[in-house]
């Protein structure tokens, strides 16, 4: 499982465990699975998709940054 946290300047948008996350990276889509290599990337405007126990959650962002480290995904979104 991955721990996903999506934070905007005003509040925490989402915090929970996911099995898979897709992010709109600057150079294309980023797919993150458990035990992903450490990563720091710019995000472009688009949709974050998180799979949670058979369901799918989506979040629209205007851009931001993502850090992946030790099964934890932190998104700083604008």
C-alpha atoms as a PDB file:
ATOM      1  CA  UNK A   1       0.000   0.000   0.000  1.00  0.00           C
ATOM      2  CA  UNK A   2       0.954   3.600  -0.609  1.00  0.00           C
ATOM      3  CA  UNK A   3       0.227   6.451   1.759  1.00  0.00           C
ATOM      4  CA  UNK A   4      -1.097   9.342  -0.363  1.00  0.00           C
ATOM      5  CA  UNK A   5      -1.359  12.916   0.862  1.00  0.00           C
ATOM      6  CA  UNK A   6      -2.582  15.742  -1.395  1.00  0.00           C
ATOM      7  CA  UNK A   7      -2.069  19.201   0.088  1.00  0.00           C
ATOM      8  CA  UNK A   8      -3.057  22.628  -1.264  1.00  0.00           C
ATOM      9  CA  UNK A   9      -1.939  25.973   0.215  1.00  0.00           C
ATOM     10  CA  UNK A  10      -5.285  26.192   2.054  1.00  0.00           C
ATOM     11  CA  UNK A  11      -5.896  22.644   3.317  1.00  0.00           C
ATOM     12  CA  UNK A  12      -5.277  18.909   3.122  1.00  0.00           C
ATOM     13  CA  UNK A  13      -7.384  17.692   0.168  1.00  0.00           C
ATOM     14  CA  UNK A  14      -6.893  13.957   0.687  1.00  0.00           C
ATOM     15  CA  UNK A  15      -5.023  11.636   3.013  1.00  0.00           C
ATOM     16  CA  UNK A  16      -5.284   7.855   2.848  1.00  0.00           C
ATOM     17  CA  UNK A  17      -3.892   4.532   1.644  1.00  0.00           C
ATOM     18  CA  UNK A  18      -3.953   3.567  -2.038  1.00  0.00           C
ATOM     19  CA  UNK A  19      -2.746   0.658  -4.119  1.00  0.00           C
ATOM     20  CA  UNK A  20      -1.904   2.738  -7.225  1.00  0.00           C
ATOM     21  CA  UNK A  21      -1.618   6.461  -8.067  1.00  0.00           C
ATOM     22  CA  UNK A  22      -1.455   8.157 -11.486  1.00  0.00           C
ATOM     23  CA  UNK A  23      -0.149  11.735 -11.617  1.00  0.00           C
ATOM     24  CA  UNK A  24       0.109  14.317 -14.435  1.00  0.00           C
ATOM     25  CA  UNK A  25       3.904  14.703 -14.629  1.00  0.00           C
ATOM     26  CA  UNK A  26       5.602  17.476 -16.572  1.00  0.00           C
ATOM     27  CA  UNK A  27       6.751  14.980 -19.242  1.00  0.00           C
ATOM     28  CA  UNK A  28       3.685  12.701 -19.164  1.00  0.00           C
ATOM     29  CA  UNK A  29       1.701  10.450 -16.838  1.00  0.00           C
ATOM     30  CA  UNK A  30       3.463   9.006 -13.776  1.00  0.00           C
ATOM     31  CA  UNK A  31       2.226   5.666 -12.440  1.00  0.00           C
ATOM     32  CA  UNK A  32       3.232   4.985  -8.832  1.00  0.00           C
ATOM     33  CA  UNK A  33       3.040   1.505  -7.276  1.00  0.00           C
ATOM     34  CA  UNK A  34       4.211   0.334  -3.839  1.00  0.00           C
ATOM     35  CA  UNK A  35       8.027   0.213  -3.469  1.00  0.00           C
ATOM     36  CA  UNK A  36       8.499   2.805  -6.223  1.00  0.00           C
ATOM     37  CA  UNK A  37      11.983   4.325  -6.454  1.00  0.00           C
ATOM     38  CA  UNK A  38      12.406   7.723  -4.761  1.00  0.00           C
ATOM     39  CA  UNK A  39      11.130  10.490  -7.039  1.00  0.00           C
ATOM     40  CA  UNK A  40      10.729  14.270  -7.051  1.00  0.00           C
ATOM     41  CA  UNK A  41       8.850  15.801  -9.996  1.00  0.00           C
ATOM     42  CA  UNK A  42       6.949  18.832 -11.216  1.00  0.00           C
ATOM     43  CA  UNK A  43       3.253  18.251 -11.928  1.00  0.00           C
ATOM     44  CA  UNK A  44       1.279  19.951 -14.678  1.00  0.00           C
ATOM     45  CA  UNK A  45      -2.422  20.751 -14.780  1.00  0.00           C
ATOM     46  CA  UNK A  46      -4.456  17.552 -14.859  1.00  0.00           C
ATOM     47  CA  UNK A  47      -6.056  14.743 -12.901  1.00  0.00           C
ATOM     48  CA  UNK A  48      -4.659  12.647 -10.061  1.00  0.00           C
ATOM     49  CA  UNK A  49      -6.212   9.169  -9.967  1.00  0.00           C
ATOM     50  CA  UNK A  50      -5.925   7.003  -6.845  1.00  0.00           C
ATOM     51  CA  UNK A  51      -7.089   3.366  -6.609  1.00  0.00           C
ATOM     52  CA  UNK A  52      -8.459   2.431  -3.193  1.00  0.00           C
ATOM     53  CA  UNK A  53      -9.796  -1.089  -2.520  1.00  0.00           C
ATOM     54  CA  UNK A  54     -11.506  -1.460  -5.893  1.00  0.00           C
ATOM     55  CA  UNK A  55     -12.762   2.122  -6.083  1.00  0.00           C
ATOM     56  CA  UNK A  56     -11.198   5.065  -7.901  1.00  0.00           C
ATOM     57  CA  UNK A  57     -10.865   8.641  -6.628  1.00  0.00           C
ATOM     58  CA  UNK A  58      -9.931  11.558  -8.876  1.00  0.00           C
ATOM     59  CA  UNK A  59      -8.660  15.025  -8.038  1.00  0.00           C
ATOM     60  CA  UNK A  60      -8.131  17.958 -10.415  1.00  0.00           C
ATOM     61  CA  UNK A  61      -5.002  20.062  -9.884  1.00  0.00           C
ATOM     62  CA  UNK A  62      -3.602  23.153 -11.582  1.00  0.00           C
ATOM     63  CA  UNK A  63      -0.003  21.994 -11.112  1.00  0.00           C
ATOM     64  CA  UNK A  64       2.438  21.419  -8.281  1.00  0.00           C
ATOM     65  CA  UNK A  65       5.098  18.985  -7.098  1.00  0.00           C
ATOM     66  CA  UNK A  66       5.217  15.338  -6.013  1.00  0.00           C
ATOM     67  CA  UNK A  67       7.645  13.496  -3.757  1.00  0.00           C
ATOM     68  CA  UNK A  68       7.695   9.685  -3.579  1.00  0.00           C
ATOM     69  CA  UNK A  69       9.721   8.166  -0.759  1.00  0.00           C
ATOM     70  CA  UNK A  70       9.320   4.864   1.146  1.00  0.00           C
ATOM     71  CA  UNK A  71       5.728   4.052   0.022  1.00  0.00           C
ATOM     72  CA  UNK A  72       4.629   7.629   0.752  1.00  0.00           C
ATOM     73  CA  UNK A  73       3.392   9.962  -1.979  1.00  0.00           C
ATOM     74  CA  UNK A  74       3.111  13.660  -1.064  1.00  0.00           C
ATOM     75  CA  UNK A  75       1.544  16.033  -3.572  1.00  0.00           C
ATOM     76  CA  UNK A  76       1.860  19.783  -3.115  1.00  0.00           C
ATOM     77  CA  UNK A  77      -0.881  21.028  -5.430  1.00  0.00           C
ATOM     78  CA  UNK A  78      -1.916  24.462  -6.585  1.00  0.00           C
END
